[in-house]
């Protein structure tokens, strides 16, 4: 669930995860248009999260707030599709099923990327926070986070 103000968004997990992931990829490709966002001067946000429901809810929230959102189910897919070159901010889950968010951030830094990163995680402990801040992040959010917390973090990252 993703808190939105006083209410919550809860997406039905009744579909097979692989079908959700395939549907999500089609959904993302159909909404992403870098030229359109440049014309309107909208901020482009990439989200890397291996939870399909969270990814979808976050993309919907960002779209509703006037951002152009692009989702990736893994760090590897973000790299393969060249996501860093096409966005203004990266919302990055730390615990992914493969390359971790912190590993992705470190790889981006080694390649010279100055892309602002907001780390998100469901597992919040002092060691994880220290690793995230050492890797370099604008903000660190614990799931579930409120829409206001996310908007504040993105505002901080893209100004």
Protein backbone atom coordinates (compact mmCIF):
# COMPACT_ATOMS: atom_id res chain seq x y z
CA UNK A 1 0.00 0.00 0.00
CA UNK A 2 1.10 3.54 -0.70
CA UNK A 3 -0.29 6.19 1.65
CA UNK A 4 -1.84 9.13 -0.17
CA UNK A 5 -2.66 11.92 2.20
CA UNK A 6 -5.28 10.60 4.58
CA UNK A 7 -6.17 7.59 2.39
CA UNK A 8 -4.34 4.64 0.89
CA UNK A 9 -3.96 3.09 -2.53
CA UNK A 10 -4.14 -0.67 -2.44
CA UNK A 11 -3.68 -2.56 -5.67
CA UNK A 12 -5.14 -6.04 -5.99
CA UNK A 13 -2.37 -8.66 -6.06
CA UNK A 14 -4.69 -11.21 -7.71
CA UNK A 15 -2.63 -11.50 -10.92
CA UNK A 16 0.35 -13.74 -11.50
CA UNK A 17 3.54 -11.73 -10.81
CA UNK A 18 5.10 -12.56 -14.17
CA UNK A 19 1.98 -11.33 -15.94
CA UNK A 20 2.05 -8.15 -13.85
CA UNK A 21 5.70 -7.59 -14.75
CA UNK A 22 4.98 -8.11 -18.46
CA UNK A 23 1.95 -5.83 -18.26
CA UNK A 24 4.02 -3.24 -16.39
CA UNK A 25 6.69 -3.16 -19.11
CA UNK A 26 4.04 -2.57 -21.79
CA UNK A 27 2.39 0.07 -19.62
CA UNK A 28 5.68 1.90 -19.06
CA UNK A 29 6.68 1.88 -22.73
CA UNK A 30 3.27 3.15 -23.78
CA UNK A 31 3.43 6.18 -21.44
CA UNK A 32 7.06 7.21 -21.87
CA UNK A 33 7.73 9.92 -24.41
CA UNK A 34 10.97 11.86 -23.76
CA UNK A 35 10.21 14.42 -26.49
CA UNK A 36 6.79 15.25 -25.03
CA UNK A 37 8.22 15.80 -21.55
CA UNK A 38 10.96 18.07 -22.93
CA UNK A 39 8.42 20.22 -24.78
CA UNK A 40 6.29 20.67 -21.67
CA UNK A 41 9.37 20.98 -19.43
CA UNK A 42 8.03 18.29 -17.09
CA UNK A 43 10.46 16.60 -14.72
CA UNK A 44 11.17 12.99 -15.62
CA UNK A 45 11.40 10.51 -12.76
CA UNK A 46 12.64 6.92 -13.03
CA UNK A 47 11.47 4.39 -10.46
CA UNK A 48 13.33 1.13 -9.89
CA UNK A 49 11.31 -1.25 -7.72
CA UNK A 50 10.86 -5.01 -8.01
CA UNK A 51 7.39 -4.89 -6.41
CA UNK A 52 4.99 -4.49 -9.37
CA UNK A 53 2.16 -3.04 -7.25
CA UNK A 54 4.41 -0.46 -5.62
CA UNK A 55 5.96 0.44 -8.96
CA UNK A 56 2.56 0.96 -10.57
CA UNK A 57 1.12 2.94 -7.64
CA UNK A 58 4.18 5.21 -7.52
CA UNK A 59 4.06 5.81 -11.27
CA UNK A 60 0.34 6.66 -11.06
CA UNK A 61 0.97 9.07 -8.19
CA UNK A 62 3.81 10.82 -10.02
CA UNK A 63 1.76 11.08 -13.22
CA UNK A 64 -1.12 12.59 -11.24
CA UNK A 65 1.31 15.14 -9.79
CA UNK A 66 2.46 16.24 -13.26
CA UNK A 67 5.71 14.28 -13.54
CA UNK A 68 6.63 11.95 -16.36
CA UNK A 69 7.30 8.59 -14.70
CA UNK A 70 9.16 5.61 -16.08
CA UNK A 71 9.34 2.34 -14.17
CA UNK A 72 11.90 -0.45 -14.15
CA UNK A 73 11.50 -3.79 -12.35
CA UNK A 74 15.25 -4.19 -11.76
CA UNK A 75 18.54 -2.32 -11.65
CA UNK A 76 19.75 -4.37 -14.58
CA UNK A 77 16.81 -3.33 -16.77
CA UNK A 78 17.41 0.32 -15.82
CA UNK A 79 21.00 -0.01 -17.05
CA UNK A 80 20.12 -1.97 -20.20
CA UNK A 81 17.50 0.60 -21.25
CA UNK A 82 19.79 3.57 -20.55
CA UNK A 83 17.45 5.00 -17.94
CA UNK A 84 20.02 7.35 -16.38
CA UNK A 85 20.40 9.37 -19.58
CA UNK A 86 16.69 10.15 -19.83
CA UNK A 87 15.61 11.26 -16.33
CA UNK A 88 15.99 14.11 -13.87
CA UNK A 89 15.72 12.01 -10.70
CA UNK A 90 15.90 8.34 -9.70
CA UNK A 91 13.62 6.80 -7.08
CA UNK A 92 15.52 3.62 -6.19
CA UNK A 93 14.56 0.67 -4.02
CA UNK A 94 17.55 -0.62 -2.06
CA UNK A 95 16.65 -4.30 -1.80
CA UNK A 96 16.12 -5.61 -5.31
CA UNK A 97 16.30 -9.20 -6.51
CA UNK A 98 19.68 -8.95 -8.25
CA UNK A 99 21.88 -5.89 -8.27
CA UNK A 100 20.91 -3.84 -5.22
CA UNK A 101 19.93 -0.19 -5.39
CA UNK A 102 23.13 0.78 -3.59
CA UNK A 103 25.20 -1.19 -6.11
CA UNK A 104 23.37 0.57 -8.95
CA UNK A 105 24.00 3.98 -7.38
CA UNK A 106 27.70 3.18 -6.97
CA UNK A 107 27.94 2.04 -10.58
CA UNK A 108 26.27 5.25 -11.78
CA UNK A 109 28.71 7.32 -9.70
CA UNK A 110 31.71 5.45 -11.16
CA UNK A 111 30.43 6.25 -14.66
CA UNK A 112 30.26 9.95 -13.77
CA UNK A 113 26.50 10.28 -13.33
CA UNK A 114 25.34 13.13 -11.09
CA UNK A 115 21.71 11.91 -11.20
CA UNK A 116 19.97 12.73 -7.89
CA UNK A 117 18.81 9.56 -6.11
CA UNK A 118 16.08 9.02 -3.55
CA UNK A 119 16.47 5.65 -1.85
CA UNK A 120 13.38 3.75 -0.70
CA UNK A 121 13.27 0.61 1.40
CA UNK A 122 10.94 -1.52 3.48
CA UNK A 123 13.88 -2.67 5.63
CA UNK A 124 15.13 0.32 7.54
CA UNK A 125 18.11 -0.17 9.82
CA UNK A 126 21.10 1.97 10.74
CA UNK A 127 23.55 0.03 8.54
CA UNK A 128 21.30 0.37 5.48
CA UNK A 129 20.93 4.12 6.11
CA UNK A 130 24.69 4.54 6.41
CA UNK A 131 25.30 2.62 3.17
CA UNK A 132 22.66 4.69 1.36
CA UNK A 133 24.13 7.99 2.52
CA UNK A 134 27.68 6.88 1.66
CA UNK A 135 26.48 5.94 -1.83
CA UNK A 136 24.99 9.40 -2.13
CA UNK A 137 21.31 10.13 -1.88
CA UNK A 138 19.18 13.22 -1.67
CA UNK A 139 16.68 11.50 0.60
CA UNK A 140 15.99 8.14 2.26
CA UNK A 141 12.35 7.02 2.57
CA UNK A 142 10.98 4.01 4.41
CA UNK A 143 8.04 2.14 2.86
CA UNK A 144 5.25 2.85 3.21
CA UNK A 145 5.85 6.54 2.70
CA UNK A 146 3.27 9.26 2.27
CA UNK A 147 2.66 11.08 -0.97
CA UNK A 148 3.75 14.28 0.79
CA UNK A 149 7.09 12.72 1.84
CA UNK A 150 7.71 11.59 -1.73
CA UNK A 151 6.78 14.95 -3.26
CA UNK A 152 9.01 16.77 -0.75
CA UNK A 153 11.94 14.45 -1.55
CA UNK A 154 11.48 14.86 -5.32
CA UNK A 155 11.21 18.63 -4.93
CA UNK A 156 14.51 18.59 -3.06
CA UNK A 157 16.12 16.39 -5.73
CA UNK A 158 15.09 18.33 -8.83
CA UNK A 159 15.63 21.92 -7.65
